[in-house]
Amino acid sequence: MTDLPSSSPARHRRRRFAPLVWLGSLTALVVLALGVNGTLSSWTTAIITNSNNTAGAASSTVVLQETGPDGTGGTATCTTSAAANNTATCATINKYGGNTALVPGGSSSVSVTFTNTGSTTASTFTLTPMACANGGTPVGSLCANGDLTVAISCPGASTPLNLPGLSPTALTSGGPYQLGSLAAGASVTCTFTTTLLSTAPASDAGAGISQPLQWTLSV
């Protein structure tokens, strides 16, 4: 191979071409590096989209229905209402027989049936007697003096209830009372016997009481 003179035109052209080759190689490396980095960057993010997330209210419920005499010879029914947060106030069924004026030694008996008309079993069925208030003309003291007693019998409950005659105040202090479970569609009948003792003094004449009773079903 014949060396070209350093001053020859061919050698000058080769020298001018060499920087262009290095510049082209460097550009190719930069483009390659950018291409690789751009591809790898897509691995730094992972995405899962949950497209079916739903919720709804429970369809299983307990509903308490009470059926008993309305005090006029008819029958009344009270049922808890979803519109009232599954509660109800029943003023038509008087378990103490308020329309019957008791005389010493006399009594009143009222039977009431409770039914779970809901779709699921209630694990607990509870009676909670509330505070007793004295009333009448003149206002007496029958809530606590022991002259008036209330007995409650619920023999068909899964936990039978059989309370002897207690004053309304003692009835409150002894509660709440558990009647066990109540399956969907099942019923329990309770009988309330209110008695004015034969030894009640004349000072009880005209006296009366008022006592709310609260019944609760819970799953």
N, C-alpha and C. Protein backbone atom coordinates (compact mmCIF):
# COMPACT_ATOMS: atom_id res chain seq x y z
N MET A 1 0.85 -1.19 0.00
CA MET A 1 0.00 0.00 0.00
C MET A 1 0.89 1.24 0.00
N THR A 2 0.60 2.20 -0.83
CA THR A 2 1.44 3.37 -0.99
C THR A 2 0.91 4.49 -0.12
N ASP A 3 1.82 5.00 0.77
CA ASP A 3 1.42 6.14 1.61
C ASP A 3 1.28 7.38 0.75
N LEU A 4 0.21 8.09 1.10
CA LEU A 4 0.02 9.33 0.37
C LEU A 4 0.77 10.44 1.05
N PRO A 5 1.26 11.34 0.27
CA PRO A 5 1.93 12.49 0.88
C PRO A 5 0.96 13.22 1.79
N SER A 6 1.53 13.77 2.89
CA SER A 6 0.68 14.46 3.86
C SER A 6 -0.03 15.64 3.25
N SER A 7 0.50 16.09 2.20
CA SER A 7 -0.11 17.25 1.57
C SER A 7 -1.05 16.87 0.43
N SER A 8 -1.26 15.56 0.26
CA SER A 8 -2.06 15.15 -0.89
C SER A 8 -3.54 15.42 -0.63
N PRO A 9 -4.30 15.67 -1.66
CA PRO A 9 -5.74 15.95 -1.51
C PRO A 9 -6.50 14.78 -0.90
N ALA A 10 -6.12 13.54 -1.21
CA ALA A 10 -6.85 12.37 -0.67
C ALA A 10 -6.73 12.29 0.82
N ARG A 11 -5.48 12.55 1.37
CA ARG A 11 -5.31 12.48 2.82
C ARG A 11 -6.13 13.57 3.49
N HIS A 12 -6.22 14.71 2.91
CA HIS A 12 -7.02 15.79 3.49
C HIS A 12 -8.50 15.42 3.52
N ARG A 13 -8.94 14.77 2.44
CA ARG A 13 -10.35 14.35 2.44
C ARG A 13 -10.61 13.32 3.52
N ARG A 14 -9.69 12.38 3.79
CA ARG A 14 -9.85 11.36 4.83
C ARG A 14 -9.91 12.00 6.19
N ARG A 15 -9.06 13.00 6.43
CA ARG A 15 -9.07 13.67 7.73
C ARG A 15 -10.39 14.41 7.96
N ARG A 16 -10.90 15.03 6.87
CA ARG A 16 -12.17 15.73 7.04
C ARG A 16 -13.31 14.75 7.27
N PHE A 17 -13.24 13.55 6.76
CA PHE A 17 -14.32 12.56 6.86
C PHE A 17 -14.34 11.91 8.25
N ALA A 18 -13.16 11.76 8.90
CA ALA A 18 -13.08 11.05 10.20
C ALA A 18 -13.95 11.71 11.27
N PRO A 19 -13.90 13.03 11.46
CA PRO A 19 -14.80 13.64 12.49
C PRO A 19 -16.26 13.40 12.19
N LEU A 20 -16.60 13.35 10.91
CA LEU A 20 -18.01 13.10 10.58
C LEU A 20 -18.42 11.70 10.99
N VAL A 21 -17.53 10.74 10.86
CA VAL A 21 -17.83 9.35 11.27
C VAL A 21 -18.04 9.28 12.76
N TRP A 22 -17.12 9.94 13.54
CA TRP A 22 -17.27 9.93 15.02
C TRP A 22 -18.54 10.64 15.44
N LEU A 23 -18.88 11.75 14.81
CA LEU A 23 -20.10 12.48 15.15
C LEU A 23 -21.33 11.64 14.85
N GLY A 24 -21.34 10.93 13.74
CA GLY A 24 -22.46 10.05 13.40
C GLY A 24 -22.61 8.92 14.39
N SER A 25 -21.48 8.35 14.80
CA SER A 25 -21.53 7.26 15.78
C SER A 25 -22.08 7.75 17.11
N LEU A 26 -21.62 8.93 17.57
CA LEU A 26 -22.09 9.50 18.83
C LEU A 26 -23.59 9.78 18.76
N THR A 27 -24.05 10.32 17.63
CA THR A 27 -25.49 10.60 17.48
C THR A 27 -26.30 9.32 17.55
N ALA A 28 -25.78 8.27 16.92
CA ALA A 28 -26.48 6.99 16.94
C ALA A 28 -26.58 6.45 18.36
N LEU A 29 -25.50 6.61 19.15
CA LEU A 29 -25.53 6.15 20.54
C LEU A 29 -26.55 6.92 21.36
N VAL A 30 -26.60 8.24 21.14
CA VAL A 30 -27.57 9.07 21.87
C VAL A 30 -28.98 8.64 21.53
N VAL A 31 -29.27 8.45 20.24
CA VAL A 31 -30.60 8.02 19.81
C VAL A 31 -30.93 6.66 20.40
N LEU A 32 -29.95 5.74 20.41
CA LEU A 32 -30.16 4.41 20.97
C LEU A 32 -30.46 4.50 22.46
N ALA A 33 -29.67 5.33 23.16
CA ALA A 33 -29.88 5.48 24.60
C ALA A 33 -31.26 6.04 24.89
N LEU A 34 -31.68 7.05 24.14
CA LEU A 34 -33.00 7.63 24.34
C LEU A 34 -34.09 6.60 24.06
N GLY A 35 -33.86 5.79 23.03
CA GLY A 35 -34.85 4.78 22.69
C GLY A 35 -35.00 3.75 23.78
N VAL A 36 -33.88 3.29 24.34
CA VAL A 36 -33.91 2.30 25.41
C VAL A 36 -34.54 2.89 26.67
N ASN A 37 -34.11 4.09 27.04
CA ASN A 37 -34.67 4.71 28.25
C ASN A 37 -36.17 4.94 28.10
N GLY A 38 -36.60 5.37 26.93
CA GLY A 38 -38.03 5.60 26.72
C GLY A 38 -38.82 4.32 26.88
N THR A 39 -38.28 3.21 26.45
CA THR A 39 -38.97 1.92 26.58
C THR A 39 -39.01 1.47 28.02
N LEU A 40 -37.91 1.57 28.73
CA LEU A 40 -37.84 1.12 30.12
C LEU A 40 -38.72 1.96 31.03
N SER A 41 -38.91 3.26 30.70
CA SER A 41 -39.69 4.12 31.58
C SER A 41 -41.13 3.64 31.70
N SER A 42 -41.66 2.93 30.71
CA SER A 42 -43.04 2.46 30.76
C SER A 42 -43.20 1.35 31.80
N TRP A 43 -42.13 0.77 32.31
CA TRP A 43 -42.21 -0.29 33.31
C TRP A 43 -42.36 0.25 34.72
N THR A 44 -42.26 1.55 34.92
CA THR A 44 -42.27 2.10 36.27
C THR A 44 -43.68 2.37 36.79
N THR A 45 -44.72 2.13 36.00
CA THR A 45 -46.10 2.34 36.42
C THR A 45 -46.93 1.10 36.11
N ALA A 46 -47.71 0.61 37.12
CA ALA A 46 -48.61 -0.53 36.92
C ALA A 46 -50.01 -0.12 37.37
N ILE A 47 -51.02 -0.43 36.61
CA ILE A 47 -52.38 0.05 36.88
C ILE A 47 -53.37 -1.11 36.85
N ILE A 48 -54.22 -1.20 37.90
CA ILE A 48 -55.39 -2.10 37.92
C ILE A 48 -56.62 -1.25 38.20
N THR A 49 -57.64 -1.39 37.41
CA THR A 49 -58.89 -0.66 37.62
C THR A 49 -59.98 -1.64 38.06
N ASN A 50 -60.54 -1.43 39.28
CA ASN A 50 -61.67 -2.24 39.74
C ASN A 50 -62.94 -1.62 39.18
N SER A 51 -63.59 -2.32 38.26
CA SER A 51 -64.72 -1.74 37.54
C SER A 51 -66.08 -2.16 38.09
N ASN A 52 -66.10 -3.04 39.11
CA ASN A 52 -67.39 -3.54 39.59
C ASN A 52 -67.43 -3.51 41.11
N ASN A 53 -67.55 -2.31 41.69
CA ASN A 53 -67.63 -2.14 43.14
C ASN A 53 -69.05 -1.68 43.48
N THR A 54 -69.81 -2.53 44.16
CA THR A 54 -71.21 -2.22 44.43
C THR A 54 -71.51 -2.40 45.91
N ALA A 55 -72.62 -1.83 46.38
CA ALA A 55 -73.07 -1.96 47.76
C ALA A 55 -74.58 -1.85 47.78
N GLY A 56 -75.16 -2.41 48.83
CA GLY A 56 -76.61 -2.34 48.97
C GLY A 56 -77.03 -2.60 50.40
N ALA A 57 -78.25 -2.24 50.75
CA ALA A 57 -78.77 -2.46 52.09
C ALA A 57 -79.14 -3.92 52.27
N ALA A 58 -79.02 -4.40 53.51
CA ALA A 58 -79.37 -5.79 53.82
C ALA A 58 -80.86 -6.02 53.58
N SER A 59 -81.18 -7.19 53.02
CA SER A 59 -82.58 -7.51 52.74
C SER A 59 -83.23 -8.23 53.91
N SER A 60 -82.42 -8.78 54.83
CA SER A 60 -82.97 -9.49 55.98
C SER A 60 -83.33 -8.50 57.08
N THR A 61 -84.54 -8.62 57.60
CA THR A 61 -85.00 -7.68 58.61
C THR A 61 -85.80 -8.41 59.69
N VAL A 62 -85.95 -7.75 60.82
CA VAL A 62 -86.92 -8.18 61.83
C VAL A 62 -87.98 -7.10 61.93
N VAL A 63 -89.23 -7.51 62.00
CA VAL A 63 -90.36 -6.59 62.12
C VAL A 63 -91.25 -7.12 63.24
N LEU A 64 -91.57 -6.27 64.20
CA LEU A 64 -92.38 -6.69 65.34
C LEU A 64 -93.81 -6.20 65.18
N GLN A 65 -94.74 -7.14 65.29
CA GLN A 65 -96.16 -6.81 65.20
C GLN A 65 -96.85 -7.21 66.50
N GLU A 66 -97.67 -6.33 67.02
CA GLU A 66 -98.40 -6.57 68.27
C GLU A 66 -99.90 -6.55 67.98
N THR A 67 -100.61 -7.56 68.46
CA THR A 67 -102.05 -7.65 68.25
C THR A 67 -102.73 -7.89 69.59
N GLY A 68 -103.77 -7.10 69.86
CA GLY A 68 -104.47 -7.25 71.13
C GLY A 68 -105.75 -6.45 71.15
N PRO A 69 -106.50 -6.49 72.26
CA PRO A 69 -107.77 -5.76 72.35
C PRO A 69 -107.55 -4.26 72.34
N ASP A 70 -108.48 -3.56 71.68
CA ASP A 70 -108.34 -2.11 71.57
C ASP A 70 -109.12 -1.36 72.65
N GLY A 71 -109.73 -2.09 73.58
CA GLY A 71 -110.46 -1.45 74.67
C GLY A 71 -111.90 -1.15 74.36
N THR A 72 -112.33 -1.40 73.12
CA THR A 72 -113.72 -1.12 72.73
C THR A 72 -114.42 -2.39 72.24
N GLY A 73 -113.83 -3.52 72.52
CA GLY A 73 -114.38 -4.79 72.06
C GLY A 73 -113.81 -5.24 70.74
N GLY A 74 -112.94 -4.45 70.14
CA GLY A 74 -112.31 -4.81 68.87
C GLY A 74 -110.87 -5.24 69.06
N THR A 75 -110.19 -5.40 67.95
CA THR A 75 -108.78 -5.82 67.96
C THR A 75 -107.92 -4.77 67.28
N ALA A 76 -106.80 -4.48 67.87
CA ALA A 76 -105.86 -3.50 67.31
C ALA A 76 -104.57 -4.21 66.93
N THR A 77 -103.91 -3.68 65.90
CA THR A 77 -102.62 -4.20 65.46
C THR A 77 -101.65 -3.05 65.31
N CYS A 78 -100.48 -3.21 65.89
CA CYS A 78 -99.41 -2.21 65.76
C CYS A 78 -98.18 -2.91 65.19
N THR A 79 -97.52 -2.27 64.21
CA THR A 79 -96.37 -2.87 63.55
C THR A 79 -95.26 -1.85 63.42
N THR A 80 -94.03 -2.29 63.68
CA THR A 80 -92.90 -1.37 63.53
C THR A 80 -92.78 -0.96 62.07
N SER A 81 -92.32 0.27 61.86
CA SER A 81 -92.28 0.84 60.51
C SER A 81 -90.87 1.23 60.12
N ALA A 82 -90.48 0.83 58.90
CA ALA A 82 -89.17 1.23 58.39
C ALA A 82 -89.06 2.74 58.27
N ALA A 83 -90.19 3.39 57.99
CA ALA A 83 -90.19 4.85 57.86
C ALA A 83 -89.87 5.53 59.18
N ALA A 84 -90.09 4.81 60.30
CA ALA A 84 -89.80 5.35 61.63
C ALA A 84 -88.61 4.64 62.25
N ASN A 85 -87.65 4.25 61.40
CA ASN A 85 -86.43 3.57 61.86
C ASN A 85 -86.77 2.25 62.56
N ASN A 86 -87.76 1.55 62.00
CA ASN A 86 -88.22 0.25 62.50
C ASN A 86 -88.72 0.32 63.94
N THR A 87 -89.42 1.38 64.27
CA THR A 87 -90.03 1.53 65.59
C THR A 87 -91.51 1.86 65.42
N ALA A 88 -92.24 1.76 66.53
CA ALA A 88 -93.66 2.12 66.52
C ALA A 88 -94.08 2.46 67.93
N THR A 89 -95.04 3.35 68.06
CA THR A 89 -95.67 3.66 69.34
C THR A 89 -97.11 3.19 69.26
N CYS A 90 -97.49 2.29 70.18
CA CYS A 90 -98.81 1.69 70.14
C CYS A 90 -99.62 2.16 71.35
N ALA A 91 -100.57 3.06 71.11
CA ALA A 91 -101.39 3.60 72.19
C ALA A 91 -102.77 2.96 72.25
N THR A 92 -103.07 2.07 71.30
CA THR A 92 -104.42 1.50 71.22
C THR A 92 -104.59 0.23 72.05
N ILE A 93 -103.49 -0.42 72.42
CA ILE A 93 -103.57 -1.67 73.18
C ILE A 93 -103.15 -1.39 74.62
N ASN A 94 -104.10 -1.49 75.55
CA ASN A 94 -103.84 -1.20 76.96
C ASN A 94 -103.71 -2.52 77.72
N LYS A 95 -102.50 -2.89 78.04
CA LYS A 95 -102.26 -4.20 78.67
C LYS A 95 -102.71 -4.25 80.13
N TYR A 96 -102.92 -3.09 80.73
CA TYR A 96 -103.35 -3.07 82.13
C TYR A 96 -104.87 -2.91 82.25
N GLY A 97 -105.58 -2.96 81.11
CA GLY A 97 -107.03 -2.89 81.13
C GLY A 97 -107.58 -1.61 81.70
N GLY A 98 -107.05 -0.49 81.23
CA GLY A 98 -107.37 0.81 81.80
C GLY A 98 -108.84 1.17 81.84
N ASN A 99 -109.66 0.54 80.96
CA ASN A 99 -111.09 0.86 80.94
C ASN A 99 -111.87 0.12 82.03
N THR A 100 -111.17 -0.77 82.73
CA THR A 100 -111.82 -1.52 83.80
C THR A 100 -111.47 -0.89 85.14
N ALA A 101 -112.48 -0.38 85.86
CA ALA A 101 -112.24 0.22 87.17
C ALA A 101 -112.15 -0.91 88.20
N LEU A 102 -110.98 -1.05 88.79
CA LEU A 102 -110.76 -2.14 89.73
C LEU A 102 -111.31 -1.81 91.11
N VAL A 103 -111.85 -2.82 91.74
CA VAL A 103 -112.28 -2.71 93.15
C VAL A 103 -111.36 -3.60 93.95
N PRO A 104 -111.26 -3.40 95.25
CA PRO A 104 -110.40 -4.26 96.07
C PRO A 104 -110.70 -5.74 95.82
N GLY A 105 -109.63 -6.49 95.53
CA GLY A 105 -109.76 -7.91 95.22
C GLY A 105 -110.08 -8.17 93.76
N GLY A 106 -110.30 -7.14 92.95
CA GLY A 106 -110.62 -7.31 91.54
C GLY A 106 -109.37 -7.33 90.65
N SER A 107 -109.51 -7.86 89.47
CA SER A 107 -108.37 -7.94 88.55
C SER A 107 -108.83 -7.79 87.11
N SER A 108 -107.88 -7.50 86.25
CA SER A 108 -108.12 -7.37 84.81
C SER A 108 -107.07 -8.20 84.10
N SER A 109 -107.49 -8.97 83.08
CA SER A 109 -106.56 -9.82 82.35
C SER A 109 -106.61 -9.48 80.87
N VAL A 110 -105.45 -9.22 80.28
CA VAL A 110 -105.35 -8.86 78.86
C VAL A 110 -104.27 -9.73 78.22
N SER A 111 -104.60 -10.35 77.08
CA SER A 111 -103.64 -11.17 76.33
C SER A 111 -103.26 -10.46 75.04
N VAL A 112 -101.96 -10.44 74.76
CA VAL A 112 -101.43 -9.76 73.58
C VAL A 112 -100.48 -10.71 72.85
N THR A 113 -100.54 -10.72 71.53
CA THR A 113 -99.67 -11.59 70.73
C THR A 113 -98.64 -10.76 69.99
N PHE A 114 -97.38 -11.21 70.07
CA PHE A 114 -96.27 -10.55 69.38
C PHE A 114 -95.76 -11.49 68.28
N THR A 115 -95.59 -10.96 67.07
CA THR A 115 -95.15 -11.77 65.93
C THR A 115 -93.98 -11.09 65.23
N ASN A 116 -92.99 -11.90 64.87
CA ASN A 116 -91.90 -11.40 64.04
C ASN A 116 -92.31 -11.60 62.59
N THR A 117 -92.78 -10.53 61.96
CA THR A 117 -93.24 -10.62 60.57
C THR A 117 -92.11 -10.32 59.58
N GLY A 118 -90.88 -10.23 60.07
CA GLY A 118 -89.74 -9.97 59.21
C GLY A 118 -89.25 -11.23 58.52
N SER A 119 -88.07 -11.13 57.92
CA SER A 119 -87.53 -12.23 57.11
C SER A 119 -86.38 -12.96 57.78
N THR A 120 -86.03 -12.58 59.00
CA THR A 120 -84.92 -13.25 59.67
C THR A 120 -85.23 -13.44 61.15
N THR A 121 -84.52 -14.36 61.79
CA THR A 121 -84.75 -14.66 63.19
C THR A 121 -84.13 -13.60 64.09
N ALA A 122 -84.89 -13.20 65.10
CA ALA A 122 -84.35 -12.30 66.13
C ALA A 122 -83.73 -13.17 67.22
N SER A 123 -82.47 -12.91 67.52
CA SER A 123 -81.80 -13.72 68.53
C SER A 123 -82.24 -13.37 69.94
N THR A 124 -82.76 -12.14 70.12
CA THR A 124 -83.25 -11.74 71.43
C THR A 124 -84.59 -11.02 71.30
N PHE A 125 -85.46 -11.31 72.25
CA PHE A 125 -86.76 -10.66 72.35
C PHE A 125 -86.85 -10.18 73.80
N THR A 126 -87.00 -8.87 73.98
CA THR A 126 -86.84 -8.27 75.31
C THR A 126 -88.02 -7.39 75.68
N LEU A 127 -88.42 -7.48 76.94
CA LEU A 127 -89.43 -6.58 77.51
C LEU A 127 -88.75 -5.67 78.52
N THR A 128 -88.90 -4.36 78.32
CA THR A 128 -88.34 -3.38 79.24
C THR A 128 -89.46 -2.49 79.78
N PRO A 129 -89.91 -2.71 81.02
CA PRO A 129 -90.91 -1.81 81.61
C PRO A 129 -90.27 -0.47 81.93
N MET A 130 -90.92 0.61 81.53
CA MET A 130 -90.40 1.95 81.76
C MET A 130 -90.90 2.46 83.11
N ALA A 131 -90.52 3.69 83.43
CA ALA A 131 -90.89 4.27 84.73
C ALA A 131 -92.40 4.43 84.85
N CYS A 132 -92.91 4.16 86.03
CA CYS A 132 -94.34 4.29 86.32
C CYS A 132 -94.65 5.70 86.80
N ALA A 133 -95.80 6.23 86.38
CA ALA A 133 -96.23 7.56 86.83
C ALA A 133 -97.58 7.43 87.54
N ASN A 134 -97.67 8.00 88.72
CA ASN A 134 -98.94 8.01 89.46
C ASN A 134 -99.88 9.03 88.86
N GLY A 135 -101.20 8.75 88.93
CA GLY A 135 -102.19 9.66 88.39
C GLY A 135 -103.51 9.45 89.10
N GLY A 136 -104.57 9.88 88.48
CA GLY A 136 -105.90 9.75 89.05
C GLY A 136 -106.33 10.99 89.78
N THR A 137 -107.53 10.92 90.34
CA THR A 137 -108.08 12.04 91.12
C THR A 137 -108.67 11.50 92.43
N PRO A 138 -108.05 11.76 93.56
CA PRO A 138 -106.76 12.48 93.67
C PRO A 138 -105.61 11.57 93.25
N VAL A 139 -104.44 12.16 92.97
CA VAL A 139 -103.27 11.39 92.58
C VAL A 139 -102.88 10.48 93.74
N GLY A 140 -102.77 9.18 93.44
CA GLY A 140 -102.43 8.22 94.48
C GLY A 140 -100.97 7.83 94.43
N SER A 141 -100.67 6.67 94.99
CA SER A 141 -99.28 6.17 95.05
C SER A 141 -99.24 4.69 94.68
N LEU A 142 -100.08 4.29 93.73
CA LEU A 142 -100.18 2.89 93.35
C LEU A 142 -98.93 2.36 92.64
N CYS A 143 -98.08 3.24 92.12
CA CYS A 143 -96.87 2.76 91.44
C CYS A 143 -96.01 1.91 92.37
N ALA A 144 -95.90 2.35 93.62
CA ALA A 144 -94.93 1.71 94.50
C ALA A 144 -95.49 1.18 95.81
N ASN A 145 -96.74 1.52 96.18
CA ASN A 145 -97.21 1.14 97.52
C ASN A 145 -97.60 -0.33 97.66
N GLY A 146 -97.60 -1.07 96.53
CA GLY A 146 -97.87 -2.50 96.59
C GLY A 146 -99.34 -2.87 96.56
N ASP A 147 -100.25 -1.89 96.56
CA ASP A 147 -101.68 -2.20 96.51
C ASP A 147 -102.11 -2.66 95.13
N LEU A 148 -101.39 -2.23 94.09
CA LEU A 148 -101.68 -2.63 92.72
C LEU A 148 -100.51 -3.47 92.21
N THR A 149 -100.81 -4.66 91.68
CA THR A 149 -99.74 -5.53 91.18
C THR A 149 -100.02 -5.92 89.73
N VAL A 150 -98.93 -6.23 89.03
CA VAL A 150 -99.01 -6.67 87.63
C VAL A 150 -98.25 -7.99 87.51
N ALA A 151 -98.92 -9.02 87.00
CA ALA A 151 -98.28 -10.31 86.73
C ALA A 151 -98.21 -10.49 85.22
N ILE A 152 -97.11 -11.05 84.74
CA ILE A 152 -96.92 -11.25 83.29
C ILE A 152 -96.53 -12.70 83.04
N SER A 153 -97.23 -13.32 82.10
CA SER A 153 -96.94 -14.70 81.74
C SER A 153 -96.80 -14.84 80.23
N CYS A 154 -95.64 -15.33 79.77
CA CYS A 154 -95.39 -15.58 78.34
C CYS A 154 -94.87 -17.01 78.21
N PRO A 155 -95.74 -18.00 78.37
CA PRO A 155 -95.27 -19.39 78.41
C PRO A 155 -94.73 -19.91 77.09
N GLY A 156 -95.15 -19.32 75.96
CA GLY A 156 -94.71 -19.81 74.67
C GLY A 156 -93.40 -19.25 74.17
N ALA A 157 -92.79 -18.35 74.93
CA ALA A 157 -91.50 -17.78 74.52
C ALA A 157 -90.41 -18.84 74.59
N SER A 158 -89.37 -18.69 73.78
CA SER A 158 -88.27 -19.66 73.82
C SER A 158 -87.58 -19.64 75.18
N THR A 159 -87.64 -18.50 75.85
CA THR A 159 -87.28 -18.40 77.26
C THR A 159 -88.55 -17.94 77.98
N PRO A 160 -89.33 -18.88 78.50
CA PRO A 160 -90.64 -18.51 79.07
C PRO A 160 -90.50 -17.48 80.19
N LEU A 161 -91.45 -16.55 80.20
CA LEU A 161 -91.47 -15.50 81.22
C LEU A 161 -92.69 -15.73 82.11
N ASN A 162 -92.47 -15.76 83.41
CA ASN A 162 -93.57 -15.96 84.35
C ASN A 162 -93.31 -15.11 85.59
N LEU A 163 -93.76 -13.85 85.52
CA LEU A 163 -93.53 -12.93 86.63
C LEU A 163 -94.74 -12.93 87.56
N PRO A 164 -94.52 -13.11 88.87
CA PRO A 164 -95.63 -13.01 89.81
C PRO A 164 -96.08 -11.57 89.94
N GLY A 165 -97.16 -11.34 90.66
CA GLY A 165 -97.64 -9.98 90.82
C GLY A 165 -96.62 -9.07 91.48
N LEU A 166 -96.23 -8.01 90.78
CA LEU A 166 -95.26 -7.04 91.29
C LEU A 166 -95.86 -5.65 91.18
N SER A 167 -95.43 -4.76 92.05
CA SER A 167 -95.84 -3.36 91.87
C SER A 167 -95.20 -2.85 90.58
N PRO A 168 -95.80 -1.89 89.92
CA PRO A 168 -95.21 -1.35 88.69
C PRO A 168 -93.77 -0.87 88.87
N THR A 169 -93.46 -0.28 90.00
CA THR A 169 -92.09 0.18 90.26
C THR A 169 -91.14 -1.00 90.36
N ALA A 170 -91.56 -2.07 91.05
CA ALA A 170 -90.72 -3.27 91.15
C ALA A 170 -90.57 -3.94 89.79
N LEU A 171 -91.60 -3.86 88.97
CA LEU A 171 -91.53 -4.42 87.62
C LEU A 171 -90.44 -3.71 86.81
N THR A 172 -90.35 -2.41 86.97
CA THR A 172 -89.32 -1.64 86.26
C THR A 172 -87.93 -1.99 86.75
N SER A 173 -87.76 -2.02 88.06
CA SER A 173 -86.42 -2.27 88.61
C SER A 173 -85.92 -3.68 88.31
N GLY A 174 -86.83 -4.63 88.07
CA GLY A 174 -86.41 -6.00 87.77
C GLY A 174 -86.07 -6.23 86.31
N GLY A 175 -86.42 -5.29 85.44
CA GLY A 175 -86.18 -5.48 84.01
C GLY A 175 -84.80 -5.06 83.58
N PRO A 176 -84.49 -5.23 82.30
CA PRO A 176 -85.33 -5.82 81.25
C PRO A 176 -85.44 -7.34 81.39
N TYR A 177 -86.48 -7.89 80.77
CA TYR A 177 -86.75 -9.32 80.85
C TYR A 177 -86.53 -9.96 79.49
N GLN A 178 -85.80 -11.08 79.49
CA GLN A 178 -85.45 -11.76 78.24
C GLN A 178 -86.44 -12.87 77.94
N LEU A 179 -86.93 -12.89 76.69
CA LEU A 179 -87.87 -13.92 76.26
C LEU A 179 -87.26 -14.85 75.22
N GLY A 180 -85.94 -14.80 75.07
CA GLY A 180 -85.24 -15.67 74.12
C GLY A 180 -85.32 -15.17 72.71
N SER A 181 -85.27 -16.09 71.75
CA SER A 181 -85.28 -15.74 70.32
C SER A 181 -86.70 -15.79 69.78
N LEU A 182 -86.87 -15.20 68.58
CA LEU A 182 -88.17 -15.23 67.91
C LEU A 182 -87.91 -15.34 66.42
N ALA A 183 -88.21 -16.52 65.88
CA ALA A 183 -87.94 -16.79 64.47
C ALA A 183 -88.87 -15.99 63.57
N ALA A 184 -88.47 -15.83 62.31
CA ALA A 184 -89.32 -15.15 61.34
C ALA A 184 -90.64 -15.90 61.22
N GLY A 185 -91.76 -15.19 61.38
CA GLY A 185 -93.08 -15.79 61.30
C GLY A 185 -93.58 -16.37 62.60
N ALA A 186 -92.74 -16.43 63.63
CA ALA A 186 -93.15 -17.01 64.92
C ALA A 186 -93.85 -15.97 65.79
N SER A 187 -94.66 -16.47 66.74
CA SER A 187 -95.44 -15.59 67.61
C SER A 187 -95.30 -16.02 69.07
N VAL A 188 -95.47 -15.06 69.95
CA VAL A 188 -95.49 -15.30 71.39
C VAL A 188 -96.68 -14.54 71.97
N THR A 189 -97.47 -15.22 72.79
CA THR A 189 -98.61 -14.58 73.44
C THR A 189 -98.30 -14.37 74.92
N CYS A 190 -98.52 -13.15 75.37
CA CYS A 190 -98.28 -12.79 76.78
C CYS A 190 -99.59 -12.33 77.41
N THR A 191 -99.79 -12.73 78.66
CA THR A 191 -100.99 -12.33 79.39
C THR A 191 -100.60 -11.45 80.57
N PHE A 192 -101.28 -10.31 80.70
CA PHE A 192 -101.03 -9.34 81.77
C PHE A 192 -102.23 -9.36 82.72
N THR A 193 -101.97 -9.61 83.98
CA THR A 193 -103.03 -9.63 84.98
C THR A 193 -102.76 -8.53 85.99
N THR A 194 -103.63 -7.54 86.02
CA THR A 194 -103.50 -6.40 86.93
C THR A 194 -104.51 -6.58 88.07
N THR A 195 -104.01 -6.51 89.31
CA THR A 195 -104.86 -6.80 90.47
C THR A 195 -104.76 -5.69 91.50
N LEU A 196 -105.91 -5.30 92.03
CA LEU A 196 -105.95 -4.40 93.19
C LEU A 196 -106.20 -5.28 94.41
N LEU A 197 -105.25 -5.26 95.32
CA LEU A 197 -105.32 -6.17 96.47
C LEU A 197 -106.60 -5.95 97.27
N SER A 198 -107.08 -7.04 97.84
CA SER A 198 -108.30 -6.95 98.64
C SER A 198 -108.10 -6.08 99.87
N THR A 199 -106.84 -5.89 100.26
CA THR A 199 -106.54 -5.06 101.44
C THR A 199 -106.30 -3.60 101.09
N ALA A 200 -106.52 -3.23 99.82
CA ALA A 200 -106.29 -1.84 99.41
C ALA A 200 -107.18 -0.90 100.22
N PRO A 201 -106.62 0.18 100.79
CA PRO A 201 -107.41 1.10 101.61
C PRO A 201 -108.27 2.03 100.75
N ALA A 202 -109.21 2.67 101.40
CA ALA A 202 -110.10 3.59 100.70
C ALA A 202 -109.35 4.76 100.10
N SER A 203 -108.13 5.05 100.61
CA SER A 203 -107.35 6.18 100.08
C SER A 203 -106.88 5.91 98.66
N ASP A 204 -106.98 4.65 98.20
CA ASP A 204 -106.60 4.34 96.82
C ASP A 204 -107.71 4.66 95.82
N ALA A 205 -108.90 4.96 96.33
CA ALA A 205 -110.03 5.21 95.44
C ALA A 205 -109.74 6.38 94.51
N GLY A 206 -109.98 6.18 93.23
CA GLY A 206 -109.76 7.23 92.24
C GLY A 206 -108.33 7.32 91.74
N ALA A 207 -107.39 6.61 92.38
CA ALA A 207 -105.97 6.67 91.97
C ALA A 207 -105.76 5.84 90.71
N GLY A 208 -104.70 6.12 90.02
CA GLY A 208 -104.36 5.36 88.82
C GLY A 208 -102.88 5.43 88.52
N ILE A 209 -102.45 4.69 87.54
CA ILE A 209 -101.05 4.69 87.12
C ILE A 209 -100.96 4.72 85.60
N SER A 210 -99.78 5.01 85.09
CA SER A 210 -99.47 4.89 83.67
C SER A 210 -98.04 4.38 83.56
N GLN A 211 -97.85 3.34 82.75
CA GLN A 211 -96.51 2.74 82.63
C GLN A 211 -96.28 2.25 81.20
N PRO A 212 -95.38 2.88 80.47
CA PRO A 212 -95.03 2.37 79.13
C PRO A 212 -94.27 1.06 79.23
N LEU A 213 -94.48 0.18 78.26
CA LEU A 213 -93.75 -1.08 78.15
C LEU A 213 -93.08 -1.11 76.78
N GLN A 214 -91.79 -1.43 76.76
CA GLN A 214 -91.04 -1.43 75.49
C GLN A 214 -90.63 -2.85 75.14
N TRP A 215 -90.98 -3.26 73.92
CA TRP A 215 -90.65 -4.59 73.42
C TRP A 215 -89.64 -4.44 72.29
N THR A 216 -88.58 -5.26 72.32
CA THR A 216 -87.50 -5.09 71.36
C THR A 216 -87.08 -6.44 70.77
N LEU A 217 -86.99 -6.48 69.43
CA LEU A 217 -86.40 -7.61 68.73
C LEU A 217 -85.02 -7.20 68.23
N SER A 218 -84.04 -8.09 68.40
CA SER A 218 -82.69 -7.79 67.92
C SER A 218 -82.10 -9.03 67.25
N VAL A 219 -81.40 -8.81 66.15
CA VAL A 219 -80.76 -9.90 65.44
C VAL A 219 -79.48 -10.30 66.16
